[in-house]
Amino acid sequence: MVSQIKQEVAGVLDMIATVYKYLGMTFSLKLSTKPKNALGDPETWVKAEQFMEEALNEFSAKTGQSWTLNPGDGAFYGPKIDVQVYDALKRPHQCATAQLDFVLPMRFDLKYTTGTSAATTEGDAAAVATEERPVLVHRAVLGSVERM
């Protein structure tokens, strides 16, 4: 569900920060946005990028960890947050990532049923089942740590 993106991304960012702190690693964050070859609903892209930006801003306010915008470098299937770690020589290495995927749920025609309250003719609240398409969250916390 698109409305849960911010919460899920925040959880991934917290997990990455916890693991990297334990390992004594410093990192930087980049929000990679919609590329030219993007697939999926443009409206969903806009909402997803906004939720990811909000999650990054809240993470930054909580931890002091800044982030930068990386325009047009998202995956064709959704925006992503790239996490770079630094080796002893301060060289950056792409490691963790949090990526949203709109395409696989569409291609597999994935849907789930949710209940929402709606007024009936008598004025009573009744659960009305609606179908929504999920958003897949790909995440890798340690990613390519073997490069170092």
Protein backbone atom coordinates (compact mmCIF):
# COMPACT_ATOMS: atom_id res chain seq x y z
CA MET A 1 0.00 0.00 0.00
CA VAL A 2 1.44 3.35 -1.05
CA SER A 3 0.47 4.98 2.26
CA GLN A 4 2.79 2.60 4.16
CA ILE A 5 5.92 3.49 2.16
CA LYS A 6 7.17 6.10 4.60
CA GLN A 7 6.84 3.79 7.60
CA GLU A 8 8.52 0.86 5.83
CA VAL A 9 11.39 2.97 4.48
CA ALA A 10 11.93 4.48 7.95
CA GLY A 11 12.26 0.96 9.35
CA VAL A 12 14.86 0.05 6.73
CA LEU A 13 16.85 3.23 7.45
CA ASP A 14 16.81 2.46 11.18
CA MET A 15 18.01 -1.09 10.49
CA ILE A 16 20.85 0.15 8.28
CA ALA A 17 21.93 2.73 10.88
CA THR A 18 21.89 0.11 13.65
CA VAL A 19 23.98 -2.39 11.68
CA TYR A 20 26.47 0.19 10.44
CA LYS A 21 26.88 1.71 13.89
CA TYR A 22 27.62 -1.73 15.29
CA LEU A 23 30.20 -2.31 12.54
CA GLY A 24 31.70 1.17 13.03
CA MET A 25 30.92 2.21 9.45
CA THR A 26 30.09 5.72 8.27
CA PHE A 27 27.67 6.12 5.39
CA SER A 28 25.91 8.60 3.14
CA LEU A 29 22.39 8.52 1.73
CA LYS A 30 21.11 9.45 -1.72
CA LEU A 31 17.50 9.54 -2.90
CA SER A 32 17.52 8.38 -6.52
CA THR A 33 14.40 9.56 -8.35
CA LYS A 34 12.43 8.68 -11.47
CA PRO A 35 14.55 7.89 -14.52
CA LYS A 36 13.52 8.55 -18.13
CA ASN A 37 12.77 4.86 -18.74
CA ALA A 38 10.49 4.53 -15.68
CA LEU A 39 7.54 2.16 -15.70
CA GLY A 40 4.41 2.37 -13.61
CA ASP A 41 1.85 5.01 -12.76
CA PRO A 42 3.35 8.55 -12.73
CA GLU A 43 1.09 9.55 -9.84
CA THR A 44 2.38 6.64 -7.75
CA TRP A 45 5.96 7.70 -8.51
CA VAL A 46 5.27 11.21 -7.21
CA LYS A 47 3.66 9.92 -4.00
CA ALA A 48 6.40 7.36 -3.43
CA GLU A 49 9.19 9.89 -3.88
CA GLN A 50 7.43 12.25 -1.46
CA PHE A 51 7.07 9.51 1.17
CA MET A 52 10.71 8.49 0.75
CA GLU A 53 11.80 12.12 1.09
CA GLU A 54 9.71 12.50 4.25
CA ALA A 55 11.25 9.34 5.70
CA LEU A 56 14.74 10.65 4.91
CA ASN A 57 13.96 14.06 6.44
CA GLU A 58 12.64 12.45 9.63
CA PHE A 59 15.66 10.13 9.78
CA SER A 60 17.95 13.12 9.30
CA ALA A 61 16.20 15.10 12.05
CA LYS A 62 16.46 12.12 14.42
CA THR A 63 20.07 11.13 13.67
CA GLY A 64 21.75 14.18 12.13
CA GLN A 65 22.56 12.07 9.05
CA SER A 66 22.16 14.24 5.94
CA TRP A 67 21.09 13.00 2.54
CA THR A 68 21.35 14.22 -1.05
CA LEU A 69 19.14 14.06 -4.11
CA ASN A 70 20.29 11.95 -7.05
CA PRO A 71 17.82 12.99 -9.80
CA GLY A 72 16.92 10.48 -12.50
CA ASP A 73 19.03 7.62 -11.08
CA GLY A 74 16.18 5.53 -9.69
CA ALA A 75 15.47 2.04 -10.98
CA PHE A 76 13.00 1.74 -13.85
CA TYR A 77 10.60 0.02 -11.43
CA GLY A 78 10.70 2.59 -8.60
CA PRO A 79 12.68 5.17 -6.62
CA LYS A 80 15.47 4.07 -4.32
CA ILE A 81 17.72 5.16 -1.52
CA ASP A 82 21.36 4.34 -2.19
CA VAL A 83 23.66 3.95 0.79
CA GLN A 84 27.39 4.36 0.35
CA VAL A 85 29.92 3.30 2.98
CA TYR A 86 33.51 4.44 3.19
CA ASP A 87 36.66 2.36 3.45
CA ALA A 88 39.80 3.23 5.44
CA LEU A 89 40.97 5.47 2.56
CA LYS A 90 37.59 7.30 2.60
CA ARG A 91 36.62 5.88 -0.80
CA PRO A 92 32.85 5.42 -1.24
CA HIS A 93 31.35 2.01 -2.00
CA GLN A 94 27.72 1.33 -2.84
CA CYS A 95 26.47 -1.03 -0.17
CA ALA A 96 22.93 -0.94 1.20
CA THR A 97 19.80 0.04 -0.66
CA ALA A 98 16.08 0.46 -0.15
CA GLN A 99 14.16 0.25 -3.40
CA LEU A 100 10.49 0.47 -4.20
CA ASP A 101 9.07 -1.72 -6.94
CA PHE A 102 5.77 -0.91 -8.66
CA VAL A 103 6.31 -3.16 -11.68
CA LEU A 104 6.45 -6.70 -10.24
CA PRO A 105 3.15 -6.32 -8.36
CA MET A 106 1.55 -5.12 -11.64
CA ARG A 107 3.13 -7.87 -13.76
CA PHE A 108 2.00 -10.56 -11.35
CA ASP A 109 -1.37 -8.82 -10.92
CA LEU A 110 -0.88 -8.83 -7.14
CA LYS A 111 -3.72 -7.37 -5.10
CA TYR A 112 -4.90 -7.57 -1.55
CA THR A 113 -8.24 -6.89 0.03
CA THR A 114 -8.58 -4.16 2.61
CA GLY A 115 -11.61 -3.10 4.60
CA THR A 116 -12.62 0.53 4.91
CA SER A 117 -15.55 2.01 6.74
CA ALA A 118 -18.34 3.50 4.68
CA ALA A 119 -21.78 4.72 5.64
CA THR A 120 -24.71 2.59 4.57
CA THR A 121 -28.15 3.95 3.71
CA GLU A 122 -29.21 3.52 7.34
CA GLY A 123 -26.22 5.58 8.53
CA ASP A 124 -24.42 2.60 10.06
CA ALA A 125 -20.74 2.09 9.38
CA ALA A 126 -20.08 -1.05 7.38
CA ALA A 127 -16.84 -2.61 6.19
CA VAL A 128 -16.48 -2.33 2.45
CA ALA A 129 -13.82 -4.53 0.88
CA THR A 130 -11.59 -2.83 -1.67
CA GLU A 131 -8.67 -4.17 -3.65
CA GLU A 132 -5.32 -2.41 -3.65
CA ARG A 133 -2.02 -3.15 -5.31
CA PRO A 134 0.97 -3.61 -2.99
CA VAL A 135 4.30 -1.84 -3.41
CA LEU A 136 7.27 -4.16 -3.09
CA VAL A 137 10.19 -2.98 -0.95
CA HIS A 138 13.58 -4.42 -1.87
CA ARG A 139 16.20 -3.88 0.77
CA ALA A 140 19.79 -4.93 1.24
CA VAL A 141 21.53 -3.93 4.43
CA LEU A 142 25.00 -5.33 3.84
CA GLY A 143 24.77 -5.36 0.04
CA SER A 144 28.22 -5.49 -1.48
CA VAL A 145 30.33 -5.30 1.65
CA GLU A 146 32.62 -7.98 0.20
CA ARG A 147 34.03 -5.33 -2.20
CA MET A 148 36.00 -3.85 0.67
